[in-house]
Amino acid sequence: MDSVTTASDSSGARSARIWLSSPGQLPMPVDLTLTWGDGTKQTARLPVEVWYLGNHYVYDVPATRDLVRVEVDAGHNIPDVRRGNNVWLKP
């Protein structure tokens, strides 16, 4: 995972943008666990097709609460040569 940002559109609706990259040669699906400020968790599975147009992808998710943590492949189900970049914590 590269970074996480939040943005608001012209109507005031907020979204979290999760910037992902896949530097390897083998595209894989992406499992995300999002933790919100109120302690609730949300999971998302992005299909392997997100990598068909390149090795960078931005996942947008509506953010009605503060996003405090994002983890890629929390269950360690997908091969990964560099797990050190799989967790983002809100500063």
PDB file of N, CA and C in Angstrom:
ATOM      1  N   MET A   1       0.851  -1.156   0.000  1.00  0.00           N
ATOM      2  CA  MET A   1       0.000   0.000   0.000  1.00  0.00           C
ATOM      3  C   MET A   1       0.903   1.227   0.000  1.00  0.00           C
ATOM      4  N   ASP A   2       0.540   2.189  -0.814  1.00  0.00           N
ATOM      5  CA  ASP A   2       1.361   3.392  -0.918  1.00  0.00           C
ATOM      6  C   ASP A   2       0.939   4.464   0.077  1.00  0.00           C
ATOM      7  N   SER A   3      -0.360   4.800   0.085  1.00  0.00           N
ATOM      8  CA  SER A   3      -0.827   5.837   1.001  1.00  0.00           C
ATOM      9  C   SER A   3      -2.352   5.813   1.072  1.00  0.00           C
ATOM     10  N   VAL A   4      -2.871   6.597   2.015  1.00  0.00           N
ATOM     11  CA  VAL A   4      -4.317   6.755   2.183  1.00  0.00           C
ATOM     12  C   VAL A   4      -4.588   8.237   2.371  1.00  0.00           C
ATOM     13  N   THR A   5      -5.552   8.753   1.613  1.00  0.00           N
ATOM     14  CA  THR A   5      -5.940  10.158   1.739  1.00  0.00           C
ATOM     15  C   THR A   5      -7.456  10.229   1.857  1.00  0.00           C
ATOM     16  N   THR A   6      -7.948  11.370   2.315  1.00  0.00           N
ATOM     17  CA  THR A   6      -9.389  11.609   2.322  1.00  0.00           C
ATOM     18  C   THR A   6      -9.659  12.867   1.512  1.00  0.00           C
ATOM     19  N   ALA A   7     -10.821  12.900   0.900  1.00  0.00           N
ATOM     20  CA  ALA A   7     -11.191  14.043   0.072  1.00  0.00           C
ATOM     21  C   ALA A   7     -12.698  14.250   0.166  1.00  0.00           C
ATOM     22  N   SER A   8     -13.122  15.461  -0.129  1.00  0.00           N
ATOM     23  CA  SER A   8     -14.545  15.794  -0.196  1.00  0.00           C
ATOM     24  C   SER A   8     -14.855  16.304  -1.587  1.00  0.00           C
ATOM     25  N   ASP A   9     -16.016  15.922  -2.105  1.00  0.00           N
ATOM     26  CA  ASP A   9     -16.411  16.447  -3.406  1.00  0.00           C
ATOM     27  C   ASP A   9     -17.188  17.750  -3.227  1.00  0.00           C
ATOM     28  N   SER A  10     -17.699  18.297  -4.307  1.00  0.00           N
ATOM     29  CA  SER A  10     -18.377  19.591  -4.252  1.00  0.00           C
ATOM     30  C   SER A  10     -19.654  19.564  -3.410  1.00  0.00           C
ATOM     31  N   SER A  11     -20.232  18.386  -3.218  1.00  0.00           N
ATOM     32  CA  SER A  11     -21.437  18.284  -2.395  1.00  0.00           C
ATOM     33  C   SER A  11     -21.102  18.090  -0.915  1.00  0.00           C
ATOM     34  N   GLY A  12     -19.813  17.912  -0.597  1.00  0.00           N
ATOM     35  CA  GLY A  12     -19.398  17.698   0.786  1.00  0.00           C
ATOM     36  C   GLY A  12     -19.262  16.238   1.181  1.00  0.00           C
ATOM     37  N   ALA A  13     -19.588  15.325   0.252  1.00  0.00           N
ATOM     38  CA  ALA A  13     -19.445  13.893   0.541  1.00  0.00           C
ATOM     39  C   ALA A  13     -17.962  13.540   0.633  1.00  0.00           C
ATOM     40  N   ARG A  14     -17.598  12.842   1.716  1.00  0.00           N
ATOM     41  CA  ARG A  14     -16.202  12.463   1.929  1.00  0.00           C
ATOM     42  C   ARG A  14     -15.935  11.057   1.422  1.00  0.00           C
ATOM     43  N   SER A  15     -14.713  10.857   0.951  1.00  0.00           N
ATOM     44  CA  SER A  15     -14.289   9.514   0.562  1.00  0.00           C
ATOM     45  C   SER A  15     -12.841   9.316   0.969  1.00  0.00           C
ATOM     46  N   ALA A  16     -12.505   8.065   1.222  1.00  0.00           N
ATOM     47  CA  ALA A  16     -11.117   7.691   1.494  1.00  0.00           C
ATOM     48  C   ALA A  16     -10.567   7.108   0.202  1.00  0.00           C
ATOM     49  N   ARG A  17      -9.342   7.489  -0.129  1.00  0.00           N
ATOM     50  CA  ARG A  17      -8.683   6.973  -1.325  1.00  0.00           C
ATOM     51  C   ARG A  17      -7.490   6.159  -0.862  1.00  0.00           C
ATOM     52  N   ILE A  18      -7.487   4.889  -1.200  1.00  0.00           N
ATOM     53  CA  ILE A  18      -6.411   3.982  -0.815  1.00  0.00           C
ATOM     54  C   ILE A  18      -5.577   3.717  -2.062  1.00  0.00           C
ATOM     55  N   TRP A  19      -4.336   4.173  -2.031  1.00  0.00           N
ATOM     56  CA  TRP A  19      -3.428   4.087  -3.168  1.00  0.00           C
ATOM     57  C   TRP A  19      -2.632   2.797  -3.047  1.00  0.00           C
ATOM     58  N   LEU A  20      -2.804   1.917  -4.022  1.00  0.00           N
ATOM     59  CA  LEU A  20      -2.174   0.607  -4.007  1.00  0.00           C
ATOM     60  C   LEU A  20      -1.227   0.452  -5.188  1.00  0.00           C
ATOM     61  N   SER A  21      -0.198  -0.357  -5.010  1.00  0.00           N
ATOM     62  CA  SER A  21       0.680  -0.690  -6.125  1.00  0.00           C
ATOM     63  C   SER A  21       1.051  -2.157  -6.041  1.00  0.00           C
ATOM     64  N   SER A  22       1.358  -2.730  -7.185  1.00  0.00           N
ATOM     65  CA  SER A  22       1.760  -4.129  -7.278  1.00  0.00           C
ATOM     66  C   SER A  22       3.038  -4.198  -8.086  1.00  0.00           C
ATOM     67  N   PRO A  23       4.189  -4.154  -7.413  1.00  0.00           N
ATOM     68  CA  PRO A  23       5.458  -4.130  -8.144  1.00  0.00           C
ATOM     69  C   PRO A  23       5.854  -5.477  -8.748  1.00  0.00           C
ATOM     70  N   GLY A  24       5.195  -6.561  -8.364  1.00  0.00           N
ATOM     71  CA  GLY A  24       5.552  -7.886  -8.867  1.00  0.00           C
ATOM     72  C   GLY A  24       5.000  -8.156 -10.252  1.00  0.00           C
ATOM     73  N   GLN A  25       5.356  -9.308 -10.772  1.00  0.00           N
ATOM     74  CA  GLN A  25       4.930  -9.705 -12.112  1.00  0.00           C
ATOM     75  C   GLN A  25       3.655 -10.545 -12.117  1.00  0.00           C
ATOM     76  N   LEU A  26       3.223 -11.006 -10.940  1.00  0.00           N
ATOM     77  CA  LEU A  26       2.054 -11.867 -10.852  1.00  0.00           C
ATOM     78  C   LEU A  26       0.902 -11.105 -10.197  1.00  0.00           C
ATOM     79  N   PRO A  27      -0.109 -10.689 -10.971  1.00  0.00           N
ATOM     80  CA  PRO A  27      -1.228  -9.969 -10.366  1.00  0.00           C
ATOM     81  C   PRO A  27      -2.050 -10.892  -9.479  1.00  0.00           C
ATOM     82  N   MET A  28      -2.477 -10.361  -8.352  1.00  0.00           N
ATOM     83  CA  MET A  28      -3.274 -11.109  -7.385  1.00  0.00           C
ATOM     84  C   MET A  28      -4.437 -10.234  -6.920  1.00  0.00           C
ATOM     85  N   PRO A  29      -5.525 -10.850  -6.425  1.00  0.00           N
ATOM     86  CA  PRO A  29      -6.588 -10.044  -5.827  1.00  0.00           C
ATOM     87  C   PRO A  29      -6.067  -9.341  -4.580  1.00  0.00           C
ATOM     88  N   VAL A  30      -6.795  -8.331  -4.134  1.00  0.00           N
ATOM     89  CA  VAL A  30      -6.386  -7.566  -2.956  1.00  0.00           C
ATOM     90  C   VAL A  30      -7.495  -7.656  -1.911  1.00  0.00           C
ATOM     91  N   ASP A  31      -7.148  -8.144  -0.719  1.00  0.00           N
ATOM     92  CA  ASP A  31      -8.072  -8.163   0.407  1.00  0.00           C
ATOM     93  C   ASP A  31      -7.718  -7.004   1.327  1.00  0.00           C
ATOM     94  N   LEU A  32      -8.705  -6.148   1.612  1.00  0.00           N
ATOM     95  CA  LEU A  32      -8.486  -4.997   2.485  1.00  0.00           C
ATOM     96  C   LEU A  32      -9.354  -5.107   3.726  1.00  0.00           C
ATOM     97  N   THR A  33      -8.789  -4.721   4.862  1.00  0.00           N
ATOM     98  CA  THR A  33      -9.551  -4.575   6.093  1.00  0.00           C
ATOM     99  C   THR A  33      -9.440  -3.121   6.509  1.00  0.00           C
ATOM    100  N   LEU A  34     -10.567  -2.429   6.540  1.00  0.00           N
ATOM    101  CA  LEU A  34     -10.615  -1.019   6.910  1.00  0.00           C
ATOM    102  C   LEU A  34     -11.150  -0.913   8.327  1.00  0.00           C
ATOM    103  N   THR A  35     -10.468  -0.148   9.169  1.00  0.00           N
ATOM    104  CA  THR A  35     -10.926   0.069  10.537  1.00  0.00           C
ATOM    105  C   THR A  35     -11.273   1.542  10.680  1.00  0.00           C
ATOM    106  N   TRP A  36     -12.486   1.804  11.124  1.00  0.00           N
ATOM    107  CA  TRP A  36     -12.986   3.162  11.271  1.00  0.00           C
ATOM    108  C   TRP A  36     -12.788   3.652  12.707  1.00  0.00           C
ATOM    109  N   GLY A  37     -12.878   4.943  12.903  1.00  0.00           N
ATOM    110  CA  GLY A  37     -12.642   5.566  14.201  1.00  0.00           C
ATOM    111  C   GLY A  37     -13.557   5.081  15.304  1.00  0.00           C
ATOM    112  N   ASP A  38     -14.737   4.581  14.956  1.00  0.00           N
ATOM    113  CA  ASP A  38     -15.657   4.068  15.978  1.00  0.00           C
ATOM    114  C   ASP A  38     -15.405   2.595  16.297  1.00  0.00           C
ATOM    115  N   GLY A  39     -14.345   2.017  15.711  1.00  0.00           N
ATOM    116  CA  GLY A  39     -13.978   0.631  15.989  1.00  0.00           C
ATOM    117  C   GLY A  39     -14.563  -0.398  15.041  1.00  0.00           C
ATOM    118  N   THR A  40     -15.497   0.014  14.189  1.00  0.00           N
ATOM    119  CA  THR A  40     -16.068  -0.946  13.245  1.00  0.00           C
ATOM    120  C   THR A  40     -15.060  -1.264  12.154  1.00  0.00           C
ATOM    121  N   LYS A  41     -15.190  -2.485  11.622  1.00  0.00           N
ATOM    122  CA  LYS A  41     -14.307  -2.930  10.549  1.00  0.00           C
ATOM    123  C   LYS A  41     -15.134  -3.245   9.318  1.00  0.00           C
ATOM    124  N   GLN A  42     -14.504  -3.054   8.180  1.00  0.00           N
ATOM    125  CA  GLN A  42     -15.135  -3.321   6.898  1.00  0.00           C
ATOM    126  C   GLN A  42     -14.103  -4.045   6.045  1.00  0.00           C
ATOM    127  N   THR A  43     -14.536  -5.057   5.322  1.00  0.00           N
ATOM    128  CA  THR A  43     -13.610  -5.758   4.437  1.00  0.00           C
ATOM    129  C   THR A  43     -14.025  -5.541   2.990  1.00  0.00           C
ATOM    130  N   ALA A  44     -13.047  -5.606   2.122  1.00  0.00           N
ATOM    131  CA  ALA A  44     -13.292  -5.474   0.687  1.00  0.00           C
ATOM    132  C   ALA A  44     -12.327  -6.396  -0.035  1.00  0.00           C
ATOM    133  N   ARG A  45     -12.806  -7.041  -1.067  1.00  0.00           N
ATOM    134  CA  ARG A  45     -11.942  -7.863  -1.911  1.00  0.00           C
ATOM    135  C   ARG A  45     -11.954  -7.262  -3.310  1.00  0.00           C
ATOM    136  N   LEU A  46     -10.780  -6.808  -3.744  1.00  0.00           N
ATOM    137  CA  LEU A  46     -10.647  -6.247  -5.076  1.00  0.00           C
ATOM    138  C   LEU A  46     -10.182  -7.359  -6.004  1.00  0.00           C
ATOM    139  N   PRO A  47     -10.845  -7.549  -7.134  1.00  0.00           N
ATOM    140  CA  PRO A  47     -10.484  -8.653  -8.022  1.00  0.00           C
ATOM    141  C   PRO A  47      -9.144  -8.408  -8.715  1.00  0.00           C
ATOM    142  N   VAL A  48      -8.553  -9.464  -9.204  1.00  0.00           N
ATOM    143  CA  VAL A  48      -7.263  -9.374  -9.888  1.00  0.00           C
ATOM    144  C   VAL A  48      -7.330  -8.417 -11.081  1.00  0.00           C
ATOM    145  N   GLU A  49      -8.508  -8.220 -11.630  1.00  0.00           N
ATOM    146  CA  GLU A  49      -8.662  -7.352 -12.807  1.00  0.00           C
ATOM    147  C   GLU A  49      -8.279  -5.901 -12.554  1.00  0.00           C
ATOM    148  N   VAL A  50      -8.192  -5.469 -11.287  1.00  0.00           N
ATOM    149  CA  VAL A  50      -7.798  -4.075 -11.029  1.00  0.00           C
ATOM    150  C   VAL A  50      -6.395  -3.801 -11.555  1.00  0.00           C
ATOM    151  N   TRP A  51      -5.586  -4.842 -11.741  1.00  0.00           N
ATOM    152  CA  TRP A  51      -4.198  -4.674 -12.210  1.00  0.00           C
ATOM    153  C   TRP A  51      -4.066  -4.768 -13.725  1.00  0.00           C
ATOM    154  N   TYR A  52      -5.142  -5.024 -14.447  1.00  0.00           N
ATOM    155  CA  TYR A  52      -5.051  -5.218 -15.889  1.00  0.00           C
ATOM    156  C   TYR A  52      -4.582  -3.979 -16.644  1.00  0.00           C
ATOM    157  N   LEU A  53      -4.801  -2.803 -16.092  1.00  0.00           N
ATOM    158  CA  LEU A  53      -4.385  -1.576 -16.780  1.00  0.00           C
ATOM    159  C   LEU A  53      -3.074  -1.009 -16.255  1.00  0.00           C
ATOM    160  N   GLY A  54      -2.412  -1.703 -15.359  1.00  0.00           N
ATOM    161  CA  GLY A  54      -1.144  -1.217 -14.822  1.00  0.00           C
ATOM    162  C   GLY A  54      -0.933  -1.692 -13.401  1.00  0.00           C
ATOM    163  N   ASN A  55       0.179  -1.270 -12.817  1.00  0.00           N
ATOM    164  CA  ASN A  55       0.512  -1.761 -11.479  1.00  0.00           C
ATOM    165  C   ASN A  55       0.164  -0.767 -10.366  1.00  0.00           C
ATOM    166  N   HIS A  56      -0.692   0.211 -10.668  1.00  0.00           N
ATOM    167  CA  HIS A  56      -1.180   1.148  -9.651  1.00  0.00           C
ATOM    168  C   HIS A  56      -2.706   1.183  -9.710  1.00  0.00           C
ATOM    169  N   TYR A  57      -3.329   1.263  -8.539  1.00  0.00           N
ATOM    170  CA  TYR A  57      -4.785   1.314  -8.472  1.00  0.00           C
ATOM    171  C   TYR A  57      -5.184   2.156  -7.269  1.00  0.00           C
ATOM    172  N   VAL A  58      -6.244   2.942  -7.427  1.00  0.00           N
ATOM    173  CA  VAL A  58      -6.781   3.736  -6.319  1.00  0.00           C
ATOM    174  C   VAL A  58      -8.177   3.222  -6.006  1.00  0.00           C
ATOM    175  N   TYR A  59      -8.352   2.774  -4.760  1.00  0.00           N
ATOM    176  CA  TYR A  59      -9.646   2.282  -4.302  1.00  0.00           C
ATOM    177  C   TYR A  59     -10.320   3.402  -3.526  1.00  0.00           C
ATOM    178  N   ASP A  60     -11.492   3.822  -3.986  1.00  0.00           N
ATOM    179  CA  ASP A  60     -12.270   4.869  -3.321  1.00  0.00           C
ATOM    180  C   ASP A  60     -13.396   4.224  -2.528  1.00  0.00           C
ATOM    181  N   VAL A  61     -13.551   4.675  -1.292  1.00  0.00           N
ATOM    182  CA  VAL A  61     -14.625   4.158  -0.452  1.00  0.00           C
ATOM    183  C   VAL A  61     -15.275   5.343   0.265  1.00  0.00           C
ATOM    184  N   PRO A  62     -16.620   5.404   0.308  1.00  0.00           N
ATOM    185  CA  PRO A  62     -17.281   6.485   1.043  1.00  0.00           C
ATOM    186  C   PRO A  62     -16.812   6.486   2.496  1.00  0.00           C
ATOM    187  N   ALA A  63     -16.560   7.672   3.029  1.00  0.00           N
ATOM    188  CA  ALA A  63     -16.023   7.790   4.392  1.00  0.00           C
ATOM    189  C   ALA A  63     -16.913   8.714   5.215  1.00  0.00           C
ATOM    190  N   THR A  64     -17.909   8.139   5.850  1.00  0.00           N
ATOM    191  CA  THR A  64     -18.778   8.930   6.723  1.00  0.00           C
ATOM    192  C   THR A  64     -18.179   9.058   8.122  1.00  0.00           C
ATOM    193  N   ARG A  65     -17.121   8.293   8.382  1.00  0.00           N
ATOM    194  CA  ARG A  65     -16.385   8.326   9.655  1.00  0.00           C
ATOM    195  C   ARG A  65     -14.898   8.445   9.336  1.00  0.00           C
ATOM    196  N   ASP A  66     -14.091   8.650  10.357  1.00  0.00           N
ATOM    197  CA  ASP A  66     -12.646   8.715  10.155  1.00  0.00           C
ATOM    198  C   ASP A  66     -12.091   7.315   9.942  1.00  0.00           C
ATOM    199  N   LEU A  67     -11.273   7.170   8.931  1.00  0.00           N
ATOM    200  CA  LEU A  67     -10.570   5.918   8.680  1.00  0.00           C
ATOM    201  C   LEU A  67      -9.271   5.965   9.473  1.00  0.00           C
ATOM    202  N   VAL A  68      -9.037   4.969  10.331  1.00  0.00           N
ATOM    203  CA  VAL A  68      -7.859   5.004  11.204  1.00  0.00           C
ATOM    204  C   VAL A  68      -6.836   3.923  10.891  1.00  0.00           C
ATOM    205  N   ARG A  69      -7.238   2.882  10.143  1.00  0.00           N
ATOM    206  CA  ARG A  69      -6.308   1.803   9.830  1.00  0.00           C
ATOM    207  C   ARG A  69      -6.766   1.091   8.562  1.00  0.00           C
ATOM    208  N   VAL A  70      -5.804   0.738   7.727  1.00  0.00           N
ATOM    209  CA  VAL A  70      -6.068  -0.081   6.548  1.00  0.00           C
ATOM    210  C   VAL A  70      -5.010  -1.176   6.531  1.00  0.00           C
ATOM    211  N   GLU A  71      -5.452  -2.412   6.329  1.00  0.00           N
ATOM    212  CA  GLU A  71      -4.503  -3.522   6.238  1.00  0.00           C
ATOM    213  C   GLU A  71      -4.788  -4.337   4.992  1.00  0.00           C
ATOM    214  N   VAL A  72      -3.745  -4.642   4.255  1.00  0.00           N
ATOM    215  CA  VAL A  72      -3.837  -5.500   3.081  1.00  0.00           C
ATOM    216  C   VAL A  72      -3.576  -6.935   3.534  1.00  0.00           C
ATOM    217  N   ASP A  73      -4.450  -7.843   3.145  1.00  0.00           N
ATOM    218  CA  ASP A  73      -4.286  -9.273   3.397  1.00  0.00           C
ATOM    219  C   ASP A  73      -4.012  -9.585   4.868  1.00  0.00           C
ATOM    220  N   ALA A  74      -4.920  -9.162   5.728  1.00  0.00           N
ATOM    221  CA  ALA A  74      -4.762  -9.383   7.170  1.00  0.00           C
ATOM    222  C   ALA A  74      -4.658 -10.863   7.517  1.00  0.00           C
ATOM    223  N   GLY A  75      -5.273 -11.727   6.730  1.00  0.00           N
ATOM    224  CA  GLY A  75      -5.241 -13.161   6.997  1.00  0.00           C
ATOM    225  C   GLY A  75      -4.041 -13.881   6.404  1.00  0.00           C
ATOM    226  N   HIS A  76      -3.171 -13.142   5.722  1.00  0.00           N
ATOM    227  CA  HIS A  76      -1.969 -13.714   5.081  1.00  0.00           C
ATOM    228  C   HIS A  76      -2.349 -14.866   4.149  1.00  0.00           C
ATOM    229  N   ASN A  77      -3.374 -14.663   3.349  1.00  0.00           N
ATOM    230  CA  ASN A  77      -3.857 -15.692   2.432  1.00  0.00           C
ATOM    231  C   ASN A  77      -3.252 -15.606   1.037  1.00  0.00           C
ATOM    232  N   ILE A  78      -2.652 -14.480   0.718  1.00  0.00           N
ATOM    233  CA  ILE A  78      -2.114 -14.252  -0.623  1.00  0.00           C
ATOM    234  C   ILE A  78      -0.603 -14.092  -0.519  1.00  0.00           C
ATOM    235  N   PRO A  79       0.166 -14.741  -1.404  1.00  0.00           N
ATOM    236  CA  PRO A  79       1.623 -14.605  -1.353  1.00  0.00           C
ATOM    237  C   PRO A  79       2.043 -13.139  -1.470  1.00  0.00           C
ATOM    238  N   ASP A  80       3.013 -12.753  -0.664  1.00  0.00           N
ATOM    239  CA  ASP A  80       3.489 -11.367  -0.653  1.00  0.00           C
ATOM    240  C   ASP A  80       4.954 -11.380  -0.231  1.00  0.00           C
ATOM    241  N   VAL A  81       5.814 -10.803  -1.054  1.00  0.00           N
ATOM    242  CA  VAL A  81       7.243 -10.806  -0.740  1.00  0.00           C
ATOM    243  C   VAL A  81       7.634  -9.663   0.186  1.00  0.00           C
ATOM    244  N   ARG A  82       6.721  -8.686   0.386  1.00  0.00           N
ATOM    245  CA  ARG A  82       7.053  -7.523   1.218  1.00  0.00           C
ATOM    246  C   ARG A  82       5.840  -7.137   2.063  1.00  0.00           C
ATOM    247  N   ARG A  83       5.657  -7.795   3.175  1.00  0.00           N
ATOM    248  CA  ARG A  83       4.508  -7.519   4.042  1.00  0.00           C
ATOM    249  C   ARG A  83       4.687  -6.246   4.867  1.00  0.00           C
ATOM    250  N   GLY A  84       5.866  -5.686   4.900  1.00  0.00           N
ATOM    251  CA  GLY A  84       6.131  -4.509   5.703  1.00  0.00           C
ATOM    252  C   GLY A  84       5.342  -3.279   5.312  1.00  0.00           C
ATOM    253  N   ASN A  85       4.773  -3.273   4.106  1.00  0.00           N
ATOM    254  CA  ASN A  85       3.997  -2.117   3.653  1.00  0.00           C
ATOM    255  C   ASN A  85       2.503  -2.409   3.595  1.00  0.00           C
ATOM    256  N   ASN A  86       2.050  -3.387   4.350  1.00  0.00           N
ATOM    257  CA  ASN A  86       0.648  -3.811   4.265  1.00  0.00           C
ATOM    258  C   ASN A  86      -0.282  -3.128   5.253  1.00  0.00           C
ATOM    259  N   VAL A  87       0.250  -2.294   6.147  1.00  0.00           N
ATOM    260  CA  VAL A  87      -0.595  -1.642   7.138  1.00  0.00           C
ATOM    261  C   VAL A  87      -0.374  -0.142   7.082  1.00  0.00           C
ATOM    262  N   TRP A  88      -1.493   0.590   7.056  1.00  0.00           N
ATOM    263  CA  TRP A  88      -1.456   2.054   7.168  1.00  0.00           C
ATOM    264  C   TRP A  88      -2.212   2.418   8.435  1.00  0.00           C
ATOM    265  N   LEU A  89      -1.614   3.278   9.241  1.00  0.00           N
ATOM    266  CA  LEU A  89      -2.261   3.797  10.449  1.00  0.00           C
ATOM    267  C   LEU A  89      -2.388   5.306  10.306  1.00  0.00           C
ATOM    268  N   LYS A  90      -3.540   5.830  10.699  1.00  0.00           N
ATOM    269  CA  LYS A  90      -3.730   7.283  10.645  1.00  0.00           C
ATOM    270  C   LYS A  90      -2.714   7.938  11.566  1.00  0.00           C
ATOM    271  N   PRO A  91      -1.986   8.931  11.058  1.00  0.00           N
ATOM    272  CA  PRO A  91      -0.987   9.600  11.904  1.00  0.00           C
ATOM    273  C   PRO A  91      -1.619  10.404  13.030  1.00  0.00           C
TER     274      PRO A  91
END
